[in-house]
Protein backbone atom coordinates (compact mmCIF):
# COMPACT_ATOMS: atom_id res chain seq x y z
CA UNK A 1 34.98 -21.28 164.50
CA UNK A 2 31.85 -19.68 164.83
CA UNK A 3 28.89 -19.56 162.50
CA UNK A 4 30.14 -16.38 160.24
CA UNK A 5 33.65 -18.24 159.64
CA UNK A 6 31.99 -21.39 158.77
CA UNK A 7 29.74 -19.36 155.94
CA UNK A 8 32.75 -17.64 154.73
CA UNK A 9 34.59 -21.18 154.10
CA UNK A 10 31.54 -22.36 152.70
CA UNK A 11 31.61 -19.39 150.31
CA UNK A 12 35.46 -19.61 149.17
CA UNK A 13 35.12 -23.31 148.83
CA UNK A 14 32.02 -22.69 146.18
CA UNK A 15 33.75 -19.87 144.69
CA UNK A 16 36.44 -22.25 143.83
CA UNK A 17 34.79 -24.95 142.58
CA UNK A 18 33.23 -22.82 139.89
CA UNK A 19 36.09 -21.65 138.84
CA UNK A 20 37.72 -25.20 138.26
CA UNK A 21 34.51 -26.14 136.71
CA UNK A 22 33.83 -23.22 133.87
CA UNK A 23 37.94 -21.99 133.54
CA UNK A 24 38.75 -24.77 130.84
CA UNK A 25 35.13 -24.04 129.04
CA UNK A 26 36.31 -20.01 128.77
CA UNK A 27 39.84 -21.17 127.95
CA UNK A 28 38.49 -23.02 125.08
CA UNK A 29 36.23 -20.55 123.64
CA UNK A 30 38.98 -17.70 123.43
CA UNK A 31 41.04 -20.35 121.34
CA UNK A 32 38.42 -20.73 119.03
CA UNK A 33 37.95 -16.93 118.93
CA UNK A 34 41.29 -15.48 118.35
CA UNK A 35 41.91 -17.53 114.66
CA UNK A 36 38.91 -16.33 113.65
CA UNK A 37 39.74 -12.82 114.37
CA UNK A 38 43.26 -12.77 112.81
CA UNK A 39 42.22 -15.00 109.74
CA UNK A 40 44.67 -13.03 107.22
CA UNK A 41 43.87 -12.15 103.21
CA UNK A 42 46.84 -11.93 100.22
CA UNK A 43 47.69 -7.93 100.01
CA UNK A 44 46.13 -6.73 96.41
CA UNK A 45 48.93 -4.28 94.78
CA UNK A 46 49.11 -2.37 91.49
CA UNK A 47 51.79 -3.61 88.97
CA UNK A 48 52.62 -2.70 85.45
CA UNK A 49 54.18 -5.55 82.94
CA UNK A 50 57.14 -3.34 81.40
CA UNK A 51 57.64 -3.11 77.49
CA UNK A 52 60.17 -1.66 75.12
CA UNK A 53 59.23 1.73 74.46
CA UNK A 54 60.57 5.10 72.12
CA UNK A 55 62.06 6.99 74.67
CA UNK A 56 62.97 10.63 73.42
CA UNK A 57 65.36 12.44 75.66
CA UNK A 58 63.44 16.05 75.44
CA UNK A 59 65.26 19.28 76.86
CA UNK A 60 62.72 22.00 76.83
CA UNK A 61 63.78 25.75 76.50
CA UNK A 62 62.56 28.76 75.61
CA UNK A 63 63.49 30.79 72.79
CA UNK A 64 62.50 34.12 70.57
CA UNK A 65 61.53 34.53 66.99
CA UNK A 66 63.87 37.02 65.29
CA UNK A 67 63.47 38.22 61.46
CA UNK A 68 65.28 36.14 58.97
CA UNK A 69 66.66 39.90 58.04
CA UNK A 70 65.82 43.35 58.81
CA UNK A 71 66.97 46.73 58.16
CA UNK A 72 66.20 50.29 59.48
CA UNK A 73 66.25 52.21 56.06
CA UNK A 74 68.05 55.38 56.02
CA UNK A 75 68.98 57.98 53.46
CA UNK A 76 72.67 58.34 52.54
CA UNK A 77 72.29 62.14 51.94
CA UNK A 78 70.08 64.97 53.34
CA UNK A 79 66.94 66.50 51.62
CA UNK A 80 63.09 66.72 51.13
CA UNK A 81 60.99 63.76 51.01
CA UNK A 82 59.45 64.26 47.38
CA UNK A 83 57.49 61.06 47.37
CA UNK A 84 56.80 57.99 49.44
CA UNK A 85 56.08 55.02 46.89
CA UNK A 86 54.96 52.31 49.72
CA UNK A 87 51.80 51.34 51.84
CA UNK A 88 52.69 50.22 55.30
CA UNK A 89 52.60 46.79 56.21
CA UNK A 90 52.33 45.78 52.43
CA UNK A 91 55.10 43.26 50.92
CA UNK A 92 57.74 44.65 48.98
CA UNK A 93 60.23 43.13 45.75
CA UNK A 94 63.95 43.63 46.40
CA UNK A 95 65.09 47.13 44.03
CA UNK A 96 61.36 48.85 44.61
CA UNK A 97 61.40 52.32 45.11
CA UNK A 98 60.36 52.89 48.45
CA UNK A 99 61.11 56.74 48.94
CA UNK A 100 62.20 59.52 46.26
CA UNK A 101 64.02 62.40 47.49
CA UNK A 102 64.18 65.67 45.37
CA UNK A 103 67.23 65.67 43.18
CA UNK A 104 66.53 68.80 41.09
CA UNK A 105 70.04 70.28 42.30
CA UNK A 106 71.81 66.99 41.30
CA UNK A 107 70.02 66.85 37.93
CA UNK A 108 70.77 70.63 37.08
CA UNK A 109 74.73 69.57 38.29
CA UNK A 110 74.75 66.77 35.35
CA UNK A 111 73.40 69.04 32.88
CA UNK A 112 75.82 71.39 33.19
CA UNK A 113 78.74 68.82 33.34
CA UNK A 114 77.34 67.19 30.28
CA UNK A 115 77.41 70.66 28.57
CA UNK A 116 81.27 70.98 29.47
CA UNK A 117 81.84 67.29 28.52
CA UNK A 118 80.82 68.03 24.95
CA UNK A 119 83.39 71.28 24.93
CA UNK A 120 86.11 68.98 26.69
CA UNK A 121 85.39 66.40 24.10
CA UNK A 122 85.53 68.47 20.86
CA UNK A 123 88.82 69.56 22.37
CA UNK A 124 90.21 66.55 23.03
CA UNK A 125 89.77 65.62 19.50
CA UNK A 126 90.99 68.76 18.17
CA UNK A 127 94.46 68.37 20.15
CA UNK A 128 94.40 65.15 18.86
CA UNK A 129 94.33 65.94 15.04
CA UNK A 130 97.02 68.82 16.06
CA UNK A 131 99.36 66.21 17.79
CA UNK A 132 99.02 63.74 14.85
CA UNK A 133 100.32 66.58 12.34
CA UNK A 134 102.98 67.58 15.26
CA UNK A 135 101.61 70.88 15.47
CA UNK A 136 101.18 70.85 19.26
CA UNK A 137 103.25 68.60 22.00
CA UNK A 138 102.12 65.78 23.59
CA UNK A 139 102.22 67.60 26.54
CA UNK A 140 99.62 69.80 25.40
CA UNK A 141 97.43 66.84 24.25
CA UNK A 142 97.43 64.92 27.29
CA UNK A 143 96.12 68.26 29.08
CA UNK A 144 93.24 68.27 27.09
CA UNK A 145 92.85 64.62 27.57
CA UNK A 146 92.88 64.72 31.08
CA UNK A 147 90.25 67.85 30.91
CA UNK A 148 87.87 65.50 29.66
CA UNK A 149 88.30 62.49 31.46
CA UNK A 150 88.32 64.63 34.82
CA UNK A 151 84.76 65.84 33.44
CA UNK A 152 83.89 62.09 32.88
CA UNK A 153 84.86 61.26 36.48
CA UNK A 154 82.40 64.16 38.17
CA UNK A 155 79.42 63.31 36.04
CA UNK A 156 79.99 59.82 37.40
CA UNK A 157 79.78 60.98 40.90
CA UNK A 158 76.85 63.13 40.20
CA UNK A 159 75.14 60.16 39.17
CA UNK A 160 75.77 58.28 42.16
CA UNK A 161 74.58 60.87 44.26
CA UNK A 162 71.23 60.92 42.34
CA UNK A 163 70.95 57.25 43.08
CA UNK A 164 71.45 57.75 46.53
CA UNK A 165 68.21 60.31 46.71
CA UNK A 166 66.25 56.60 45.62
CA UNK A 167 66.06 54.72 48.94
CA UNK A 168 65.11 51.06 47.60
CA UNK A 169 64.04 48.00 49.41
CA UNK A 170 67.49 45.75 49.64
CA UNK A 171 65.47 42.70 49.66
CA UNK A 172 62.10 41.13 49.59
CA UNK A 173 59.89 41.62 52.72
CA UNK A 174 57.05 43.49 54.37
CA UNK A 175 57.44 46.87 54.84
CA UNK A 176 56.70 48.26 58.47
CA UNK A 177 55.09 51.67 59.78
CA UNK A 178 57.18 55.06 58.35
CA UNK A 179 58.21 57.31 60.19
CA UNK A 180 58.60 60.46 57.66
CA UNK A 181 55.98 62.08 55.55
CA UNK A 182 55.82 63.69 52.15
CA UNK A 183 57.58 66.85 52.49
CA UNK A 184 59.68 66.13 55.39
CA UNK A 185 63.26 67.36 55.19
CA UNK A 186 65.62 64.42 56.54
CA UNK A 187 69.00 63.96 57.51
CA UNK A 188 71.27 60.82 57.11
CA UNK A 189 70.72 59.98 60.45
CA UNK A 190 66.85 59.61 60.27
CA UNK A 191 64.96 56.50 60.35
CA UNK A 192 62.48 56.42 57.52
CA UNK A 193 60.94 52.60 58.10
CA UNK A 194 61.91 48.81 58.70
CA UNK A 195 61.76 46.45 56.37
CA UNK A 196 61.47 42.44 57.61
CA UNK A 197 61.73 39.29 55.64
CA UNK A 198 60.20 37.02 58.19
CA UNK A 199 59.81 33.85 55.55
CA UNK A 200 61.51 31.46 56.65
CA UNK A 201 61.97 32.89 60.20
CA UNK A 202 64.96 32.33 63.11
CA UNK A 203 64.59 31.31 66.54
CA UNK A 204 67.26 32.25 68.96
CA UNK A 205 67.50 30.27 72.36
CA UNK A 206 70.18 28.87 74.39
CA UNK A 207 70.60 25.39 76.16
CA UNK A 208 72.64 24.79 79.54
CA UNK A 209 76.44 24.07 78.41
CA UNK A 210 76.42 20.28 79.76
CA UNK A 211 74.59 19.78 76.43
CA UNK A 212 77.13 20.90 73.75
CA UNK A 213 77.91 17.52 72.70
CA UNK A 214 74.65 16.17 72.03
CA UNK A 215 73.29 19.57 70.24
CA UNK A 216 74.50 19.43 66.47
CA UNK A 217 73.28 21.44 63.38
CA UNK A 218 70.36 20.04 61.64
CA UNK A 219 68.54 18.54 64.71
CA UNK A 220 65.25 19.09 64.38
CA UNK A 221 63.33 21.22 67.04
CA UNK A 222 59.19 22.04 67.67
CA UNK A 223 57.76 24.98 69.13
CA UNK A 224 55.03 26.80 69.99
CA UNK A 225 54.01 30.24 70.81
CA UNK A 226 51.20 32.41 72.95
CA UNK A 227 49.29 33.23 69.68
CA UNK A 228 48.65 29.32 68.73
CA UNK A 229 48.95 27.45 71.75
CA UNK A 230 47.68 24.06 70.29
CA UNK A 231 49.42 24.27 66.92
CA UNK A 232 52.92 22.94 66.68
CA UNK A 233 55.56 24.55 64.63
CA UNK A 234 59.01 22.71 63.51
CA UNK A 235 62.29 24.54 63.09
CA UNK A 236 65.80 23.08 61.97
CA UNK A 237 69.31 24.08 64.09
CA UNK A 238 71.61 25.82 61.37
CA UNK A 239 74.03 27.58 63.57
CA UNK A 240 75.39 27.07 66.81
CA UNK A 241 77.84 29.98 68.95
CA UNK A 242 81.58 28.55 69.32
CA UNK A 243 81.74 29.29 73.12
CA UNK A 244 79.63 29.25 76.25
CA UNK A 245 78.74 31.98 77.86
CA UNK A 246 80.39 32.64 80.89
CA UNK A 247 77.94 34.25 82.86
CA UNK A 248 74.91 32.08 82.26
CA UNK A 249 77.14 28.85 81.36
CA UNK A 250 74.65 28.35 77.95
CA UNK A 251 75.25 27.91 74.46
CA UNK A 252 73.39 29.97 72.08
CA UNK A 253 71.94 28.32 69.36
CA UNK A 254 69.75 29.67 65.95
CA UNK A 255 67.07 27.79 64.06
CA UNK A 256 65.18 28.30 61.43
CA UNK A 257 61.51 27.84 60.54
CA UNK A 258 59.40 27.95 57.19
CA UNK A 259 56.87 30.37 58.08
CA UNK A 260 54.83 30.65 54.66
CA UNK A 261 51.52 31.16 56.58
CA UNK A 262 52.92 34.46 58.24
CA UNK A 263 51.54 33.38 61.70
CA UNK A 264 55.06 33.76 63.03
CA UNK A 265 56.36 37.03 63.88
CA UNK A 266 59.55 38.12 65.04
CA UNK A 267 59.27 38.98 68.86
CA UNK A 268 56.99 35.95 69.80
CA UNK A 269 58.14 34.29 72.62
CA UNK A 270 58.53 30.31 72.08
CA UNK A 271 58.38 27.23 73.95
CA UNK A 272 60.98 25.15 72.51
CA UNK A 273 61.33 21.32 72.46
CA UNK A 274 64.85 19.92 71.57
CA UNK A 275 65.69 15.59 71.45
CA UNK A 276 68.88 15.54 72.13
CA UNK A 277 68.99 11.75 72.15
CA UNK A 278 66.74 8.58 71.10
CA UNK A 279 66.28 5.32 72.25
CA UNK A 280 64.01 2.87 70.16
CA UNK A 281 63.97 0.63 73.10
CA UNK A 282 63.61 1.63 76.56
CA UNK A 283 61.80 0.11 79.70
CA UNK A 284 59.89 2.84 81.63
CA UNK A 285 58.77 2.66 84.97
CA UNK A 286 56.54 4.77 87.56
CA UNK A 287 59.17 6.72 89.76
CA UNK A 288 57.00 5.77 92.74
CA UNK A 289 58.27 1.94 92.35
CA UNK A 290 62.03 2.51 92.59
CA UNK A 291 63.20 2.27 96.24
CA UNK A 292 66.58 4.15 97.14
CA UNK A 293 68.92 1.87 98.82
CA UNK A 294 72.50 3.03 100.26
CA UNK A 295 74.23 1.31 97.38
CA UNK A 296 71.85 1.50 94.70
CA UNK A 297 68.14 1.21 93.63
CA UNK A 298 65.60 -1.52 93.56
CA UNK A 299 62.06 -2.76 93.03
CA UNK A 300 59.32 -5.21 93.73
CA UNK A 301 58.48 -7.92 91.24
CA UNK A 302 56.32 -10.40 91.30
CA UNK A 303 58.18 -13.84 90.06
CA UNK A 304 55.78 -17.41 90.27
CA UNK A 305 53.17 -15.50 92.51
CA UNK A 306 56.05 -14.21 95.08
CA UNK A 307 57.27 -11.08 95.77
CA UNK A 308 61.23 -10.31 95.05
CA UNK A 309 63.60 -8.04 95.30
CA UNK A 310 64.92 -6.58 92.09
CA UNK A 311 68.58 -4.55 92.05
CA UNK A 312 68.21 -1.95 89.21
CA UNK A 313 70.07 1.11 87.17
CA UNK A 314 68.20 3.65 85.96
CA UNK A 315 69.04 6.70 83.34
CA UNK A 316 66.32 9.34 81.94
CA UNK A 317 64.23 10.79 84.90
CA UNK A 318 60.97 12.32 83.32
CA UNK A 319 58.27 14.06 85.21
CA UNK A 320 56.52 10.62 86.54
CA UNK A 321 58.74 8.05 85.21
CA UNK A 322 62.24 6.76 85.08
CA UNK A 323 64.35 4.90 82.50
CA UNK A 324 65.71 1.34 83.72
CA UNK A 325 68.92 0.85 81.99
CA UNK A 326 69.90 -2.77 83.77
CA UNK A 327 67.96 -4.88 85.87
CA UNK A 328 64.45 -5.12 83.95
CA UNK A 329 63.71 -6.63 80.82
CA UNK A 330 60.53 -6.64 79.02
CA UNK A 331 58.04 -9.00 80.25
CA UNK A 332 58.94 -8.03 84.23
CA UNK A 333 55.83 -7.56 86.50
CA UNK A 334 56.69 -4.43 88.54
CA UNK A 335 54.78 -3.68 91.77
CA UNK A 336 53.97 -0.03 91.87
CA UNK A 337 51.79 0.23 94.92
CA UNK A 338 52.32 -1.12 98.37
CA UNK A 339 55.91 -0.84 98.73
CA UNK A 340 56.27 -0.26 102.34
CA UNK A 341 53.67 -3.28 103.32
CA UNK A 342 54.99 -5.95 101.26
CA UNK A 343 58.14 -8.05 101.69
CA UNK A 344 60.38 -10.52 99.93
CA UNK A 345 58.37 -14.09 99.47
CA UNK A 346 55.51 -12.49 99.83
CA UNK A 347 52.08 -13.78 97.85
CA UNK A 348 50.14 -11.01 96.50
CA UNK A 349 47.12 -10.14 94.46
CA UNK A 350 47.64 -7.92 91.54
CA UNK A 351 46.02 -5.17 90.07
CA UNK A 352 47.41 -4.41 86.56
CA UNK A 353 47.42 -1.06 85.25
CA UNK A 354 48.56 0.54 81.71
CA UNK A 355 51.17 2.65 83.39
């Protein structure tokens, strides 16, 4: 073997010797480093201690305000407007004269008939005296009596016509904007003014037909209107349509609300809340805590410091919470975060939240 070959052999032997000497040290150091880098800590999760709460199962719908009563006033006869006896927008009382039509012609006819009435009354009296003396026949007397009664009937007809020249308020209310002026000639089809009764005021609303059995007469509703967004008004259901609309599959409802302040006006849009059921004791948890499964739903709870599964059944769902009808009871600690990281049997630290 040459000199070069000897040098190579010596170098290989030296390298192997160094590897043998230092490899156990490197291995020992690796064993010491690995446990340090993989040291684990408890997972901290948010949790909620559930409790019994009052739950109102509210249904939110929209509706419209309508007057308690309203009528478009028209005249039953044609004629010239002689006097308008109201100011637009004012309150009026039942029976108050609102519009007077010219009635001179009818009054003249009544005056004429009154003269005829006097003549026929005197004639009937004389004929009755003659009948008593058997100077005339019964038929002659009855003719005189019929003539008198006919005149009296004609006077009643004219008096009724006279009243039709007066347009009066049929109920207490607020008068709207008039559509005629004094001196105008109107026909029976012409609209004069609209009268509204708005205290109390009514609401029309519709709810899905599936709630028909849960909506009842005298149920209380609450609502807001755009003009007073921060003020909550209350009403009471007093009538329910006895059929479901076949086109919308909804049921029409009418409610009534006190309106002595006059803030509520017919035609306003209302946002209505209707409580269709109420639970005095209900357990509510955040929806994100519920884990859907093939055969139902579950949540994670901490029991004795460890995570465990709990099968549950749910009820009413709100925007952020859901009712638990079975599987939990007041005092249970439900984990609401870290759902994908935890497993049954794990020990976790809790950050308790109020909701």
